[in-house]
Amino acid sequence: MKKQIAALTAGILFGLGLSLAQMIDPARVLGFLNLAGAWDPTLALVMVGALLVNIPATRIILKQPQPLFDGHFHLPKKQGFDWQLLAGAALFGIGWGLAGYCPGPALTSLSFADGAVVVLVISYLIGSAITRWLLTATAASKQPA
């Protein structure tokens, strides 16, 4: 139960932060991506602020023997770049640029009950499910019989 309360608290803080910084406004995001026109640096400032908090906090947290609400840290085992990372980053960027939302702000924007955001989130979930299915199928086909 502690783990769920911690996740809920983190999600609420994240959503409030996105809303307060106006990162749930697609015009802000598209303004940031508009390097050739009226560039809006707001998103860059939000990212820098997040990094200023996250980098030292992560260093302190990872020095602990284990997280507060789990038996061990769940860190990525895979390092480096591969085609999946590059293709995923490109698709993510294209979708972000077209929609003006990345997944976090899109979920936060569901509170507006805007039909376009609902379609975006459903599409995001479908795309994630298809990707998981493809990756599982690919991994299964590589297993020796």
C-alpha atoms as a PDB file:
ATOM      1  CA  MET A   1       0.000   0.000   0.000  1.00  0.00           C
ATOM      2  CA  LYS A   2       2.890   2.385   0.754  1.00  0.00           C
ATOM      3  CA  LYS A   3       4.180   1.893  -2.781  1.00  0.00           C
ATOM      4  CA  GLN A   4       0.814   2.868  -4.293  1.00  0.00           C
ATOM      5  CA  ILE A   5       0.520   5.941  -2.049  1.00  0.00           C
ATOM      6  CA  ALA A   6       4.034   7.014  -3.042  1.00  0.00           C
ATOM      7  CA  ALA A   7       3.165   6.540  -6.732  1.00  0.00           C
ATOM      8  CA  LEU A   8      -0.080   8.481  -6.301  1.00  0.00           C
ATOM      9  CA  THR A   9       1.739  11.315  -4.517  1.00  0.00           C
ATOM     10  CA  ALA A  10       4.444  11.443  -7.192  1.00  0.00           C
ATOM     11  CA  GLY A  11       1.805  11.458  -9.944  1.00  0.00           C
ATOM     12  CA  ILE A  12      -0.143  14.267  -8.301  1.00  0.00           C
ATOM     13  CA  LEU A  13       3.023  16.346  -7.860  1.00  0.00           C
ATOM     14  CA  PHE A  14       4.021  15.674 -11.477  1.00  0.00           C
ATOM     15  CA  GLY A  15       0.577  16.640 -12.758  1.00  0.00           C
ATOM     16  CA  LEU A  16       0.483  19.795 -10.641  1.00  0.00           C
ATOM     17  CA  GLY A  17       3.957  20.745 -11.833  1.00  0.00           C
ATOM     18  CA  LEU A  18       3.013  20.225 -15.476  1.00  0.00           C
ATOM     19  CA  SER A  19      -0.137  22.283 -15.013  1.00  0.00           C
ATOM     20  CA  LEU A  20       1.572  25.075 -13.078  1.00  0.00           C
ATOM     21  CA  ALA A  21       4.345  25.317 -15.692  1.00  0.00           C
ATOM     22  CA  GLN A  22       1.664  25.333 -18.423  1.00  0.00           C
ATOM     23  CA  MET A  23       3.232  22.290 -20.092  1.00  0.00           C
ATOM     24  CA  ILE A  24      -0.239  20.881 -20.738  1.00  0.00           C
ATOM     25  CA  ASP A  25      -0.793  23.689 -23.257  1.00  0.00           C
ATOM     26  CA  PRO A  26       0.091  22.390 -26.745  1.00  0.00           C
ATOM     27  CA  ALA A  27       0.794  25.963 -27.877  1.00  0.00           C
ATOM     28  CA  ARG A  28       3.675  26.140 -25.352  1.00  0.00           C
ATOM     29  CA  VAL A  29       5.144  22.865 -26.566  1.00  0.00           C
ATOM     30  CA  LEU A  30       4.750  23.737 -30.245  1.00  0.00           C
ATOM     31  CA  GLY A  31       6.278  27.155 -29.500  1.00  0.00           C
ATOM     32  CA  PHE A  32       9.313  25.400 -28.039  1.00  0.00           C
ATOM     33  CA  LEU A  33       9.629  23.200 -31.121  1.00  0.00           C
ATOM     34  CA  ASN A  34       9.327  26.212 -33.455  1.00  0.00           C
ATOM     35  CA  LEU A  35      13.033  26.983 -33.782  1.00  0.00           C
ATOM     36  CA  ALA A  36      12.591  28.906 -37.037  1.00  0.00           C
ATOM     37  CA  GLY A  37       9.817  31.190 -35.773  1.00  0.00           C
ATOM     38  CA  ALA A  38       8.674  32.640 -32.471  1.00  0.00           C
ATOM     39  CA  TRP A  39      10.609  30.259 -30.221  1.00  0.00           C
ATOM     40  CA  ASP A  40       9.216  29.853 -26.695  1.00  0.00           C
ATOM     41  CA  PRO A  41      11.965  28.812 -24.214  1.00  0.00           C
ATOM     42  CA  THR A  42       9.491  27.952 -21.434  1.00  0.00           C
ATOM     43  CA  LEU A  43       9.795  24.185 -21.903  1.00  0.00           C
ATOM     44  CA  ALA A  44      13.593  24.398 -21.802  1.00  0.00           C
ATOM     45  CA  LEU A  45      13.395  26.286 -18.509  1.00  0.00           C
ATOM     46  CA  VAL A  46      11.051  23.649 -17.065  1.00  0.00           C
ATOM     47  CA  MET A  47      13.466  20.899 -18.160  1.00  0.00           C
ATOM     48  CA  VAL A  48      16.461  22.692 -16.642  1.00  0.00           C
ATOM     49  CA  GLY A  49      14.533  23.181 -13.393  1.00  0.00           C
ATOM     50  CA  ALA A  50      13.643  19.486 -13.320  1.00  0.00           C
ATOM     51  CA  LEU A  51      17.267  18.487 -13.932  1.00  0.00           C
ATOM     52  CA  LEU A  52      18.515  20.820 -11.185  1.00  0.00           C
ATOM     53  CA  VAL A  53      16.323  18.921  -8.727  1.00  0.00           C
ATOM     54  CA  ASN A  54      16.625  15.432 -10.222  1.00  0.00           C
ATOM     55  CA  ILE A  55      20.386  15.097 -10.707  1.00  0.00           C
ATOM     56  CA  PRO A  56      21.437  15.680  -7.078  1.00  0.00           C
ATOM     57  CA  ALA A  57      18.367  13.841  -5.731  1.00  0.00           C
ATOM     58  CA  THR A  58      19.131  10.771  -7.868  1.00  0.00           C
ATOM     59  CA  ARG A  59      22.746  10.708  -6.667  1.00  0.00           C
ATOM     60  CA  ILE A  60      21.606  10.838  -3.044  1.00  0.00           C
ATOM     61  CA  ILE A  61      18.873   8.233  -3.534  1.00  0.00           C
ATOM     62  CA  LEU A  62      21.127   5.730  -5.348  1.00  0.00           C
ATOM     63  CA  LYS A  63      23.600   5.841  -2.445  1.00  0.00           C
ATOM     64  CA  GLN A  64      20.922   4.225  -0.277  1.00  0.00           C
ATOM     65  CA  PRO A  65      20.987   0.426   0.061  1.00  0.00           C
ATOM     66  CA  GLN A  66      17.451   0.168  -1.362  1.00  0.00           C
ATOM     67  CA  PRO A  67      14.459   2.388  -2.178  1.00  0.00           C
ATOM     68  CA  LEU A  68      12.014   3.231   0.595  1.00  0.00           C
ATOM     69  CA  PHE A  69       9.127   1.227  -0.849  1.00  0.00           C
ATOM     70  CA  ASP A  70      10.808  -1.618  -2.751  1.00  0.00           C
ATOM     71  CA  GLY A  71      13.414  -4.291  -2.175  1.00  0.00           C
ATOM     72  CA  HIS A  72      15.817  -3.047  -4.864  1.00  0.00           C
ATOM     73  CA  PHE A  73      16.349  -0.329  -7.434  1.00  0.00           C
ATOM     74  CA  HIS A  74      14.986  -1.001 -10.925  1.00  0.00           C
ATOM     75  CA  LEU A  75      17.686   0.496 -13.117  1.00  0.00           C
ATOM     76  CA  PRO A  76      18.089  -0.099 -16.845  1.00  0.00           C
ATOM     77  CA  LYS A  77      20.466  -2.927 -17.653  1.00  0.00           C
ATOM     78  CA  LYS A  78      20.837  -1.957 -21.298  1.00  0.00           C
ATOM     79  CA  GLN A  79      23.232   0.850 -22.128  1.00  0.00           C
ATOM     80  CA  GLY A  80      24.182   2.512 -25.370  1.00  0.00           C
ATOM     81  CA  PHE A  81      22.251   3.221 -28.539  1.00  0.00           C
ATOM     82  CA  ASP A  82      20.590   0.788 -30.910  1.00  0.00           C
ATOM     83  CA  TRP A  83      18.092   1.047 -33.748  1.00  0.00           C
ATOM     84  CA  GLN A  84      15.121   0.571 -31.396  1.00  0.00           C
ATOM     85  CA  LEU A  85      16.150   3.522 -29.229  1.00  0.00           C
ATOM     86  CA  LEU A  86      16.801   5.759 -32.223  1.00  0.00           C
ATOM     87  CA  ALA A  87      13.597   4.743 -34.047  1.00  0.00           C
ATOM     88  CA  GLY A  88      11.544   5.140 -30.870  1.00  0.00           C
ATOM     89  CA  ALA A  89      13.040   8.557 -30.164  1.00  0.00           C
ATOM     90  CA  ALA A  90      12.303   9.673 -33.730  1.00  0.00           C
ATOM     91  CA  LEU A  91       8.684   8.442 -33.582  1.00  0.00           C
ATOM     92  CA  PHE A  92       8.223  10.010 -30.147  1.00  0.00           C
ATOM     93  CA  GLY A  93       9.552  13.335 -31.424  1.00  0.00           C
ATOM     94  CA  ILE A  94       7.365  13.266 -34.529  1.00  0.00           C
ATOM     95  CA  GLY A  95       4.269  12.453 -32.470  1.00  0.00           C
ATOM     96  CA  TRP A  96       5.160  15.118 -29.912  1.00  0.00           C
ATOM     97  CA  GLY A  97       5.608  17.705 -32.646  1.00  0.00           C
ATOM     98  CA  LEU A  98       2.364  16.801 -34.405  1.00  0.00           C
ATOM     99  CA  ALA A  99       0.225  16.658 -31.275  1.00  0.00           C
ATOM    100  CA  GLY A 100       1.944  19.183 -29.037  1.00  0.00           C
ATOM    101  CA  TYR A 101       1.777  16.691 -26.164  1.00  0.00           C
ATOM    102  CA  CYS A 102       4.141  14.154 -24.737  1.00  0.00           C
ATOM    103  CA  PRO A 103       2.552  11.338 -22.683  1.00  0.00           C
ATOM    104  CA  GLY A 104       2.726  12.987 -19.234  1.00  0.00           C
ATOM    105  CA  PRO A 105       1.051  16.247 -20.223  1.00  0.00           C
ATOM    106  CA  ALA A 106      -1.434  14.337 -22.384  1.00  0.00           C
ATOM    107  CA  LEU A 107      -2.538  12.303 -19.366  1.00  0.00           C
ATOM    108  CA  THR A 108      -2.719  15.464 -17.270  1.00  0.00           C
ATOM    109  CA  SER A 109      -4.800  17.150 -19.987  1.00  0.00           C
ATOM    110  CA  LEU A 110      -7.416  14.392 -19.795  1.00  0.00           C
ATOM    111  CA  SER A 111      -8.877  16.421 -16.933  1.00  0.00           C
ATOM    112  CA  PHE A 112     -10.125  18.914 -19.559  1.00  0.00           C
ATOM    113  CA  ALA A 113     -12.219  16.138 -21.193  1.00  0.00           C
ATOM    114  CA  ASP A 114     -11.119  17.367 -24.615  1.00  0.00           C
ATOM    115  CA  GLY A 115     -12.033  14.796 -27.280  1.00  0.00           C
ATOM    116  CA  ALA A 116      -8.752  15.309 -29.157  1.00  0.00           C
ATOM    117  CA  VAL A 117      -6.710  14.549 -26.032  1.00  0.00           C
ATOM    118  CA  VAL A 118      -8.800  11.441 -25.330  1.00  0.00           C
ATOM    119  CA  VAL A 119      -8.140  10.189 -28.877  1.00  0.00           C
ATOM    120  CA  LEU A 120      -4.427  11.008 -28.469  1.00  0.00           C
ATOM    121  CA  VAL A 121      -4.138   9.045 -25.209  1.00  0.00           C
ATOM    122  CA  ILE A 122      -6.075   6.072 -26.602  1.00  0.00           C
ATOM    123  CA  SER A 123      -3.792   6.116 -29.655  1.00  0.00           C
ATOM    124  CA  TYR A 124      -0.762   6.286 -27.393  1.00  0.00           C
ATOM    125  CA  LEU A 125      -1.979   3.246 -25.472  1.00  0.00           C
ATOM    126  CA  ILE A 126      -2.702   1.315 -28.680  1.00  0.00           C
ATOM    127  CA  GLY A 127       0.743   2.184 -30.068  1.00  0.00           C
ATOM    128  CA  SER A 128       2.380   1.081 -26.815  1.00  0.00           C
ATOM    129  CA  ALA A 129       0.448  -2.209 -26.843  1.00  0.00           C
ATOM    130  CA  ILE A 130       1.395  -2.900 -30.472  1.00  0.00           C
ATOM    131  CA  THR A 131       5.042  -2.172 -29.727  1.00  0.00           C
ATOM    132  CA  ARG A 132       5.019  -4.464 -26.682  1.00  0.00           C
ATOM    133  CA  TRP A 133       3.408  -7.206 -28.764  1.00  0.00           C
ATOM    134  CA  LEU A 134       5.955  -6.784 -31.580  1.00  0.00           C
ATOM    135  CA  LEU A 135       8.915  -6.788 -29.196  1.00  0.00           C
ATOM    136  CA  THR A 136       7.582  -9.870 -27.380  1.00  0.00           C
ATOM    137  CA  ALA A 137       6.977 -11.671 -30.673  1.00  0.00           C
ATOM    138  CA  THR A 138      10.461 -10.755 -31.912  1.00  0.00           C
ATOM    139  CA  ALA A 139      12.090 -11.938 -28.679  1.00  0.00           C
ATOM    140  CA  ALA A 140      10.088 -15.202 -28.774  1.00  0.00           C
ATOM    141  CA  SER A 141      11.144 -15.899 -32.361  1.00  0.00           C
ATOM    142  CA  LYS A 142      14.800 -15.543 -31.375  1.00  0.00           C
ATOM    143  CA  GLN A 143      14.491 -18.150 -28.592  1.00  0.00           C
ATOM    144  CA  PRO A 144      15.903 -21.578 -29.490  1.00  0.00           C
ATOM    145  CA  ALA A 145      13.202 -24.193 -30.080  1.00  0.00           C
END
